[in-house]
C-alpha atoms as a PDB file:
ATOM      1  CA  ALA A   1      -0.954 -18.826  -0.602  1.00  0.00           C
ATOM      2  CA  LEU A   2       0.564 -15.370  -0.886  1.00  0.00           C
ATOM      3  CA  SER A   3      -1.002 -14.179   2.346  1.00  0.00           C
ATOM      4  CA  MET A   4       0.495 -17.103   4.246  1.00  0.00           C
ATOM      5  CA  ILE A   5       4.102 -16.599   3.178  1.00  0.00           C
ATOM      6  CA  THR A   6       4.587 -12.849   2.865  1.00  0.00           C
ATOM      7  CA  GLU A   7       5.374 -10.255   5.512  1.00  0.00           C
ATOM      8  CA  ARG A   8       6.662 -12.710   8.104  1.00  0.00           C
ATOM      9  CA  HIS A   9       8.893 -11.478  10.898  1.00  0.00           C
ATOM     10  CA  GLY A  10      12.157 -13.228  11.622  1.00  0.00           C
ATOM     11  CA  LEU A  11      12.637 -14.807   8.202  1.00  0.00           C
ATOM     12  CA  LYS A  12      15.914 -16.630   7.849  1.00  0.00           C
ATOM     13  CA  GLU A  13      15.808 -16.684   4.031  1.00  0.00           C
ATOM     14  CA  PRO A  14      13.764 -13.694   2.773  1.00  0.00           C
ATOM     15  CA  LYS A  15      15.166 -14.048  -0.766  1.00  0.00           C
ATOM     16  CA  ARG A  16      13.688 -17.555  -1.084  1.00  0.00           C
ATOM     17  CA  VAL A  17      10.326 -16.277   0.148  1.00  0.00           C
ATOM     18  CA  GLU A  18      10.434 -13.481  -2.430  1.00  0.00           C
ATOM     19  CA  GLU A  19      11.206 -16.012  -5.185  1.00  0.00           C
ATOM     20  CA  LEU A  20       8.291 -18.196  -4.055  1.00  0.00           C
ATOM     21  CA  CYS A  21       5.967 -15.166  -4.092  1.00  0.00           C
ATOM     22  CA  ASN A  22       7.075 -14.370  -7.635  1.00  0.00           C
ATOM     23  CA  LYS A  23       6.342 -17.955  -8.712  1.00  0.00           C
ATOM     24  CA  ILE A  24       2.874 -17.856  -7.144  1.00  0.00           C
ATOM     25  CA  THR A  25       2.097 -14.503  -8.776  1.00  0.00           C
ATOM     26  CA  SER A  26       3.320 -15.824 -12.124  1.00  0.00           C
ATOM     27  CA  SER A  27       1.141 -18.911 -11.740  1.00  0.00           C
ATOM     28  CA  LEU A  28      -1.892 -16.733 -10.994  1.00  0.00           C
ATOM     29  CA  LYS A  29      -1.215 -14.672 -14.123  1.00  0.00           C
ATOM     30  CA  ASP A  30      -0.842 -17.830 -16.247  1.00  0.00           C
ATOM     31  CA  HIS A  31      -4.052 -19.275 -14.846  1.00  0.00           C
ATOM     32  CA  GLN A  32      -5.896 -16.035 -15.494  1.00  0.00           C
ATOM     33  CA  SER A  33      -4.656 -15.776 -19.091  1.00  0.00           C
ATOM     34  CA  LYS A  34      -5.694 -19.358 -19.892  1.00  0.00           C
ATOM     35  CA  GLY A  35      -9.109 -19.053 -18.273  1.00  0.00           C
ATOM     36  CA  GLN A  36     -12.093 -17.295 -19.755  1.00  0.00           C
ATOM     37  CA  ALA A  37     -12.668 -14.772 -17.013  1.00  0.00           C
ATOM     38  CA  LEU A  38     -15.021 -11.937 -17.857  1.00  0.00           C
ATOM     39  CA  GLU A  39     -12.798  -9.456 -16.077  1.00  0.00           C
ATOM     40  CA  PRO A  40      -9.234  -9.549 -14.800  1.00  0.00           C
ATOM     41  CA  SER A  41      -9.103 -11.068 -11.335  1.00  0.00           C
ATOM     42  CA  GLU A  42      -5.470 -10.268 -10.525  1.00  0.00           C
ATOM     43  CA  PRO A  43      -6.247  -6.804  -9.093  1.00  0.00           C
ATOM     44  CA  LYS A  44      -8.950  -8.339  -6.896  1.00  0.00           C
ATOM     45  CA  VAL A  45      -6.595 -11.017  -5.605  1.00  0.00           C
ATOM     46  CA  LEU A  46      -3.793  -8.547  -4.909  1.00  0.00           C
ATOM     47  CA  GLY A  47      -6.276  -6.141  -3.295  1.00  0.00           C
ATOM     48  CA  ALA A  48      -7.487  -8.924  -1.030  1.00  0.00           C
ATOM     49  CA  LEU A  49      -3.871  -9.639  -0.107  1.00  0.00           C
ATOM     50  CA  VAL A  50      -3.386  -6.020   0.972  1.00  0.00           C
ATOM     51  CA  GLU A  51      -6.536  -6.217   3.108  1.00  0.00           C
ATOM     52  CA  LEU A  52      -5.360  -9.472   4.697  1.00  0.00           C
ATOM     53  CA  ARG A  53      -2.041  -7.846   5.596  1.00  0.00           C
ATOM     54  CA  LYS A  54      -3.874  -4.929   7.221  1.00  0.00           C
ATOM     55  CA  LEU A  55      -6.076  -7.297   9.216  1.00  0.00           C
ATOM     56  CA  CYS A  56      -3.041  -9.316  10.272  1.00  0.00           C
ATOM     57  CA  THR A  57      -1.279  -6.180  11.488  1.00  0.00           C
ATOM     58  CA  LEU A  58      -4.363  -4.999  13.373  1.00  0.00           C
ATOM     59  CA  GLY A  59      -4.765  -8.414  14.959  1.00  0.00           C
ATOM     60  CA  LEU A  60      -1.138  -8.500  16.073  1.00  0.00           C
ATOM     61  CA  GLN A  61      -1.454  -4.994  17.509  1.00  0.00           C
ATOM     62  CA  ARG A  62      -4.525  -6.019  19.477  1.00  0.00           C
ATOM     63  CA  ILE A  63      -2.862  -9.184  20.781  1.00  0.00           C
ATOM     64  CA  PHE A  64       0.202  -7.138  21.762  1.00  0.00           C
ATOM     65  CA  TYR A  65      -1.998  -4.663  23.649  1.00  0.00           C
ATOM     66  CA  LEU A  66      -3.864  -7.443  25.481  1.00  0.00           C
ATOM     67  CA  LYS A  67      -0.550  -9.088  26.330  1.00  0.00           C
ATOM     68  CA  LEU A  68       0.989  -5.791  27.441  1.00  0.00           C
ATOM     69  CA  GLU A  69      -1.949  -4.957  29.699  1.00  0.00           C
ATOM     70  CA  ASP A  70      -2.006  -8.553  30.975  1.00  0.00           C
ATOM     71  CA  LEU A  71      -5.742  -8.717  30.244  1.00  0.00           C
ATOM     72  CA  VAL A  72      -5.649 -12.210  28.809  1.00  0.00           C
ATOM     73  CA  SER A  73      -3.107 -14.973  28.637  1.00  0.00           C
ATOM     74  CA  PRO A  74      -2.192 -15.536  24.972  1.00  0.00           C
ATOM     75  CA  PRO A  75      -1.736 -19.048  23.583  1.00  0.00           C
ATOM     76  CA  SER A  76       1.837 -20.329  23.528  1.00  0.00           C
ATOM     77  CA  ILE A  77       2.049 -20.060  19.731  1.00  0.00           C
ATOM     78  CA  ILE A  78       1.348 -16.316  20.006  1.00  0.00           C
ATOM     79  CA  ASP A  79       3.977 -15.923  22.729  1.00  0.00           C
ATOM     80  CA  LYS A  80       6.483 -17.676  20.457  1.00  0.00           C
ATOM     81  CA  LEU A  81       5.559 -15.323  17.603  1.00  0.00           C
ATOM     82  CA  PHE A  82       6.377 -12.295  19.738  1.00  0.00           C
ATOM     83  CA  LEU A  83       9.591 -13.840  21.060  1.00  0.00           C
ATOM     84  CA  ASP A  84      10.753 -14.570  17.502  1.00  0.00           C
ATOM     85  CA  THR A  85      10.283 -10.923  16.494  1.00  0.00           C
ATOM     86  CA  LEU A  86      12.365  -9.454  19.296  1.00  0.00           C
ATOM     87  CA  PRO A  87      15.879  -8.320  18.312  1.00  0.00           C
END
């Protein structure tokens, strides 16, 4: 859930997104404390989130390059993503 809502370009209400992220993180901590995990899983989850962000950035860079070089025609949803991020 965190990877889907964080680090989005063109947010109209970033404060609300931050509050939602805090609620999700709090829920994960509550779930972890009530479970009987052998080791803390929060660092693993947050580490995976960092990796997902890196992959997302690399993917967007690659799509931008392909679009810039006109090597492939991106899907309309990708075009909209780039249009939304322009100032």
